[in-house]
Amino acid sequence: MAAASILTHIRSCIHMGVSHDVHVGAKKYQMAKDDRPTLIFAEPHDGDALSTRWNTLNAELLITSGSDGFVKMRNVFRPEAGAVGRFAASQALATMAAPPGRALPPVYSALWSPASPFIFAGTIGTGIALWDTRVHGRSASPGGADVQNEVLFAATHASGECLDLAWAPPAKGLPTVCCTAGTDATLSIMDWKYVSAGNGPGVVTRLFGHSRAIKRVVWWGPTAPGATDLIGSASYDATVTIWDADRQIAIDRYSAGREPLAAIDFGPPGALGRLKVAGGPLCPEVTVVSGGFDGVVTMRELGR
């Protein structure tokens, strides 16, 4: 059915009082207030959906993670088919020799590798796990109908739960390096090549500076030759810390609200280059935006 016909069909069903959820063939749509149909993916998480990430190298695929302890890979052109890959936190726990019988931990964050369209990492309990979507493993159900993929490697963040992760920018040329954040108020820079070689947990450096759990971490790669990479962390202590990724030291720390912070991101290079700040000079190239539980969103210029 053509897109225009789908929209007409959905509107007619809603106007007749049939339902706000409308099925067209095998696809399920929900009508938004602005009259735009929202496509609903089949096979939701059994609990909260905690993260969603597009595959930047294969636009057909995305992954979602949930409080049910699963990461699910989905094809955006076949939403009615449910997950096309299932990745269980229980496998990562077994790899990390977790105590038997413990509850399946939530997967707070899952993120595709910027260096491969097949590999992603997810936060699992006290660490992170690495999956290759091409490697199929044992069945997720006794009947053998649902195949879930085997975890490649798993490594411990430090102590406490691991809440978020960020890969090193592709331009850095380190496809196996990532940074994790956790409830222990630290960041860990990890290198998977050490884990895969069996040479320990893979933690290269730990960064200290926050006093409470770090909810989000982002890793920014500059475009200017010779400029340093930056890592940004947003913490429940209501502060943002900006780190020099090469020297692995904090170069800026500031309060960004009164409540715990839950979001942070770097602005694209030059995004604000034409804007004035209160009649002052032009904004520098790098800006940081953050948000917290108090609803406040702040933006800060770096290098002033």
Protein backbone atom coordinates (compact mmCIF):
# COMPACT_ATOMS: atom_id res chain seq x y z
CA MET A 1 0.00 0.00 0.00
CA ALA A 2 1.34 3.41 -0.97
CA ALA A 3 2.28 5.89 1.74
CA ALA A 4 -0.62 8.22 0.86
CA SER A 5 -3.08 5.32 0.96
CA ILE A 6 -1.71 4.19 4.33
CA LEU A 7 -2.15 7.68 5.79
CA THR A 8 -5.71 7.93 4.41
CA HIS A 9 -6.58 4.51 5.81
CA ILE A 10 -5.20 5.34 9.25
CA ARG A 11 -7.05 8.65 9.40
CA SER A 12 -10.33 7.05 8.36
CA CYS A 13 -10.00 4.37 11.05
CA ILE A 14 -9.38 6.98 13.73
CA HIS A 15 -12.20 9.24 12.54
CA MET A 16 -14.56 6.24 12.68
CA GLY A 17 -13.46 5.64 16.26
CA VAL A 18 -11.86 2.31 15.49
CA SER A 19 -8.60 2.76 17.35
CA HIS A 20 -5.59 5.00 17.77
CA ASP A 21 -3.51 1.91 16.93
CA VAL A 22 -4.13 0.82 13.35
CA HIS A 23 -2.80 -2.26 11.56
CA VAL A 24 -2.05 -2.06 7.85
CA GLY A 25 -1.08 -5.54 6.79
CA ALA A 26 1.45 -6.75 9.34
CA LYS A 27 2.54 -3.24 10.29
CA LYS A 28 1.17 -1.41 13.32
CA TYR A 29 0.79 2.38 13.29
CA GLN A 30 -0.14 4.85 15.97
CA MET A 31 -1.65 8.20 15.04
CA ALA A 32 0.09 11.19 16.58
CA LYS A 33 -1.61 14.48 17.45
CA ASP A 34 -0.11 16.14 14.38
CA ASP A 35 -1.74 13.53 12.11
CA ARG A 36 1.56 11.83 11.33
CA PRO A 37 1.54 8.02 11.60
CA THR A 38 4.12 6.58 13.99
CA LEU A 39 5.36 3.09 13.17
CA ILE A 40 5.54 0.74 16.15
CA PHE A 41 8.16 -2.01 16.19
CA ALA A 42 7.00 -5.52 16.98
CA GLU A 43 8.53 -7.42 19.91
CA PRO A 44 8.98 -4.65 22.48
CA HIS A 45 11.22 -5.02 25.51
CA ASP A 46 9.76 -6.70 28.57
CA GLY A 47 10.27 -3.57 30.66
CA ASP A 48 11.79 -0.15 30.01
CA ALA A 49 13.52 0.59 26.69
CA LEU A 50 16.69 2.36 27.85
CA SER A 51 18.63 3.20 24.69
CA THR A 52 18.22 3.27 20.91
CA ARG A 53 21.11 3.60 18.47
CA TRP A 54 21.30 3.72 14.67
CA ASN A 55 24.00 1.84 12.83
CA THR A 56 25.93 4.68 11.19
CA LEU A 57 27.49 2.32 8.63
CA ASN A 58 24.30 0.42 7.75
CA ALA A 59 21.24 2.65 7.94
CA GLU A 60 18.87 -0.34 7.80
CA LEU A 61 19.80 -1.50 11.30
CA LEU A 62 19.32 -0.13 14.79
CA ILE A 63 19.68 -1.62 18.25
CA THR A 64 17.59 -1.08 21.36
CA SER A 65 18.48 -2.07 24.91
CA GLY A 66 16.19 -2.57 27.88
CA SER A 67 15.71 -3.26 31.54
CA ASP A 68 14.86 -6.86 30.59
CA GLY A 69 18.56 -7.54 30.06
CA PHE A 70 18.41 -7.78 26.27
CA VAL A 71 19.76 -5.87 23.31
CA LYS A 72 17.60 -6.29 20.22
CA MET A 73 18.70 -5.57 16.68
CA ARG A 74 15.95 -4.35 14.36
CA ASN A 75 15.62 -3.78 10.62
CA VAL A 76 13.90 -0.44 10.03
CA PHE A 77 12.36 -1.72 6.79
CA ARG A 78 10.82 -4.75 8.52
CA PRO A 79 9.46 -3.46 11.85
CA GLU A 80 6.67 -6.04 11.89
CA ALA A 81 9.21 -8.89 11.91
CA GLY A 82 10.34 -8.20 15.45
CA ALA A 83 13.98 -8.40 16.42
CA VAL A 84 16.36 -9.85 13.84
CA GLY A 85 18.98 -10.44 16.52
CA ARG A 86 18.79 -10.96 20.29
CA PHE A 87 21.69 -10.49 22.66
CA ALA A 88 21.31 -11.57 26.29
CA ALA A 89 23.11 -9.99 29.22
CA SER A 90 23.20 -13.42 30.85
CA GLN A 91 25.90 -14.51 28.39
CA ALA A 92 28.07 -11.56 29.34
CA LEU A 93 27.58 -12.33 33.02
CA ALA A 94 28.73 -15.90 32.42
CA THR A 95 31.79 -14.61 30.59
CA MET A 96 32.58 -12.29 33.49
CA ALA A 97 32.05 -15.13 35.98
CA ALA A 98 29.16 -13.38 37.71
CA PRO A 99 27.56 -15.05 40.77
CA PRO A 100 25.01 -17.68 39.68
CA GLY A 101 21.35 -16.95 40.12
CA ARG A 102 21.61 -13.17 40.08
CA ALA A 103 18.92 -11.20 38.33
CA LEU A 104 19.47 -10.24 34.71
CA PRO A 105 20.92 -6.71 34.82
CA PRO A 106 19.49 -3.92 32.70
CA VAL A 107 21.41 -2.91 29.59
CA TYR A 108 21.53 0.83 30.18
CA SER A 109 23.30 1.62 26.93
CA ALA A 110 24.25 -0.14 23.69
CA LEU A 111 26.32 1.49 20.98
CA TRP A 112 27.48 0.40 17.52
CA SER A 113 31.18 0.45 16.82
CA PRO A 114 32.08 3.34 14.48
CA ALA A 115 34.62 1.04 12.82
CA SER A 116 32.39 -1.91 11.93
CA PRO A 117 28.74 -2.29 10.83
CA PHE A 118 28.58 -5.65 12.62
CA ILE A 119 29.97 -4.99 16.10
CA PHE A 120 28.43 -3.22 19.07
CA ALA A 121 29.04 -2.99 22.81
CA GLY A 122 26.56 -2.82 25.66
CA THR A 123 26.79 -2.03 29.37
CA ILE A 124 26.13 -5.16 31.40
CA GLY A 125 26.13 -5.05 35.20
CA THR A 126 29.63 -4.10 36.32
CA GLY A 127 31.11 -4.04 32.84
CA ILE A 128 30.57 -4.07 29.11
CA ALA A 129 30.20 -6.80 26.54
CA LEU A 130 31.11 -6.89 22.87
CA TRP A 131 28.96 -8.68 20.29
CA ASP A 132 29.46 -9.48 16.61
CA THR A 133 26.07 -9.72 14.91
CA ARG A 134 27.48 -12.20 12.36
CA VAL A 135 28.26 -14.80 15.05
CA HIS A 136 25.20 -16.84 15.96
CA GLY A 137 25.05 -18.81 19.17
CA ARG A 138 22.71 -20.95 21.18
CA SER A 139 18.95 -20.65 21.34
CA ALA A 140 17.31 -18.18 23.68
CA SER A 141 14.33 -20.47 24.27
CA PRO A 142 13.92 -24.19 25.04
CA GLY A 143 12.11 -24.70 21.75
CA GLY A 144 15.03 -23.36 19.81
CA ALA A 145 12.97 -20.80 17.89
CA ASP A 146 14.83 -17.69 19.00
CA VAL A 147 18.53 -17.57 18.24
CA GLN A 148 20.58 -15.14 20.30
CA ASN A 149 24.14 -14.25 19.48
CA GLU A 150 27.17 -15.20 21.53
CA VAL A 151 29.10 -12.50 23.32
CA LEU A 152 32.63 -12.12 21.95
CA PHE A 153 34.31 -10.53 24.94
CA ALA A 154 33.32 -9.03 28.26
CA ALA A 155 35.31 -6.80 30.58
CA THR A 156 34.74 -5.12 33.94
CA HIS A 157 34.46 -1.33 34.07
CA ALA A 158 35.92 -0.94 37.57
CA SER A 159 33.51 -1.30 40.46
CA GLY A 160 29.80 -0.75 40.72
CA GLU A 161 27.45 -0.74 37.74
CA CYS A 162 28.46 0.42 34.28
CA LEU A 163 25.95 2.99 33.00
CA ASP A 164 27.24 4.25 29.66
CA LEU A 165 29.99 3.95 27.05
CA ALA A 166 31.47 5.93 24.18
CA TRP A 167 33.74 4.73 21.38
CA ALA A 168 36.86 6.63 20.38
CA PRO A 169 36.18 8.75 17.26
CA PRO A 170 36.95 6.92 13.98
CA ALA A 171 39.52 9.55 12.99
CA LYS A 172 41.59 8.64 16.03
CA GLY A 173 42.48 5.31 14.39
CA LEU A 174 41.85 3.26 17.53
CA PRO A 175 38.81 1.08 16.66
CA THR A 176 39.17 -1.08 19.78
CA VAL A 177 39.21 1.76 22.32
CA CYS A 178 36.16 3.01 24.25
CA CYS A 179 35.36 4.86 27.47
CA THR A 180 32.92 3.60 30.11
CA ALA A 181 31.12 5.42 32.93
CA GLY A 182 29.72 3.95 36.12
CA THR A 183 28.16 4.28 39.52
CA ASP A 184 31.64 4.35 41.08
CA ALA A 185 31.97 7.96 39.82
CA THR A 186 34.87 7.08 37.50
CA LEU A 187 35.54 6.74 33.80
CA SER A 188 37.56 3.85 32.39
CA ILE A 189 39.33 4.00 29.04
CA MET A 190 39.39 0.43 27.77
CA ASP A 191 41.09 -1.32 24.87
CA TRP A 192 39.44 -4.48 23.56
CA LYS A 193 42.64 -5.79 22.01
CA TYR A 194 43.98 -6.49 25.51
CA VAL A 195 40.75 -8.29 26.47
CA SER A 196 40.72 -10.40 23.31
CA ALA A 197 44.37 -11.34 23.87
CA GLY A 198 43.59 -12.48 27.40
CA ASN A 199 45.81 -9.82 28.95
CA GLY A 200 43.62 -8.67 31.80
CA PRO A 201 40.42 -6.63 32.02
CA GLY A 202 41.40 -4.19 29.30
CA VAL A 203 41.33 -1.00 31.40
CA VAL A 204 44.09 1.32 30.17
CA THR A 205 43.33 4.37 32.33
CA ARG A 206 40.83 5.40 35.00
CA LEU A 207 39.72 9.02 35.32
CA PHE A 208 38.69 10.41 38.70
CA GLY A 209 36.92 13.70 39.41
CA HIS A 210 33.21 13.17 40.05
CA SER A 211 31.72 12.48 43.47
CA ARG A 212 28.62 10.55 42.35
CA ALA A 213 27.60 8.18 39.55
CA ILE A 214 28.37 9.23 35.98
CA LYS A 215 25.24 8.80 33.88
CA ARG A 216 26.50 9.80 30.43
CA VAL A 217 29.83 10.00 28.61
CA VAL A 218 30.60 11.28 25.08
CA TRP A 219 33.85 11.29 23.12
CA TRP A 220 34.43 14.11 20.62
CA GLY A 221 36.98 14.08 17.82
CA PRO A 222 38.12 17.44 16.42
CA THR A 223 38.51 18.20 12.74
CA ALA A 224 41.47 20.56 13.10
CA PRO A 225 44.93 18.96 12.64
CA GLY A 226 46.80 18.56 15.90
CA ALA A 227 43.80 19.31 18.13
CA THR A 228 43.09 17.00 21.04
CA ASP A 229 40.15 14.68 21.55
CA LEU A 230 37.70 15.61 24.29
CA ILE A 231 35.67 13.37 26.59
CA GLY A 232 32.64 14.84 28.34
CA SER A 233 30.96 13.31 31.38
CA ALA A 234 27.66 14.21 33.06
CA SER A 235 27.21 13.10 36.66
CA TYR A 236 24.61 12.74 39.37
CA ASP A 237 26.75 15.26 41.31
CA ALA A 238 25.22 17.90 38.96
CA THR A 239 28.55 18.68 37.30
CA VAL A 240 30.01 18.30 33.83
CA THR A 241 33.68 17.45 33.41
CA ILE A 242 35.59 17.88 30.17
CA TRP A 243 38.68 15.69 29.80
CA ASP A 244 41.67 15.88 27.48
CA ALA A 245 41.54 12.35 26.05
CA ASP A 246 45.18 12.36 24.96
CA ARG A 247 46.67 13.60 28.23
CA GLN A 248 43.85 11.95 30.25
CA ILE A 249 43.36 14.92 32.58
CA ALA A 250 40.38 17.14 33.42
CA ILE A 251 40.57 20.52 31.66
CA ASP A 252 37.18 21.95 32.67
CA ARG A 253 34.61 21.24 35.37
CA TYR A 254 31.44 23.18 36.09
CA SER A 255 28.04 22.95 37.74
CA ALA A 256 25.18 22.53 35.26
CA GLY A 257 22.12 22.57 37.51
CA ARG A 258 20.90 21.67 40.97
CA GLU A 259 19.83 18.09 40.27
CA PRO A 260 21.61 15.01 38.88
CA LEU A 261 22.63 15.28 35.23
CA ALA A 262 21.45 12.67 32.72
CA ALA A 263 22.51 13.98 29.29
CA ILE A 264 25.50 15.53 27.58
CA ASP A 265 26.72 16.09 24.03
CA PHE A 266 29.23 18.13 22.08
CA GLY A 267 28.06 20.50 19.39
CA PRO A 268 29.25 19.88 15.82
CA PRO A 269 32.28 21.96 14.79
CA GLY A 270 31.29 25.50 13.91
CA ALA A 271 27.61 24.94 14.76
CA LEU A 272 27.44 28.17 16.71
CA GLY A 273 30.18 30.03 14.91
CA ARG A 274 27.80 32.71 13.62
CA LEU A 275 25.95 33.36 16.86
CA LYS A 276 26.72 36.13 19.34
CA VAL A 277 26.60 35.59 23.08
CA ALA A 278 24.97 38.54 24.85
CA GLY A 279 26.56 40.92 22.38
CA GLY A 280 29.98 39.47 23.08
CA PRO A 281 32.49 37.71 20.83
CA LEU A 282 31.69 34.89 18.46
CA CYS A 283 31.19 31.49 20.08
CA PRO A 284 34.22 29.20 19.92
CA GLU A 285 34.05 26.10 17.76
CA VAL A 286 33.39 23.62 20.59
CA THR A 287 30.25 23.81 22.73
CA VAL A 288 28.79 21.42 25.27
CA VAL A 289 25.09 20.94 26.02
CA SER A 290 23.81 19.07 29.08
CA GLY A 291 20.55 18.38 30.88
CA GLY A 292 19.41 17.07 34.24
CA PHE A 293 16.57 15.90 36.44
CA ASP A 294 15.56 19.50 37.20
CA GLY A 295 14.61 19.99 33.55
CA VAL A 296 17.33 22.56 32.99
CA VAL A 297 19.34 22.38 29.75
CA THR A 298 22.61 24.32 29.72
CA MET A 299 25.13 25.13 27.01
CA ARG A 300 28.72 26.09 27.67
CA GLU A 301 31.46 27.35 25.40
CA LEU A 302 34.89 25.81 25.72
CA GLY A 303 38.11 27.71 25.42
CA ARG A 304 36.93 31.14 26.64
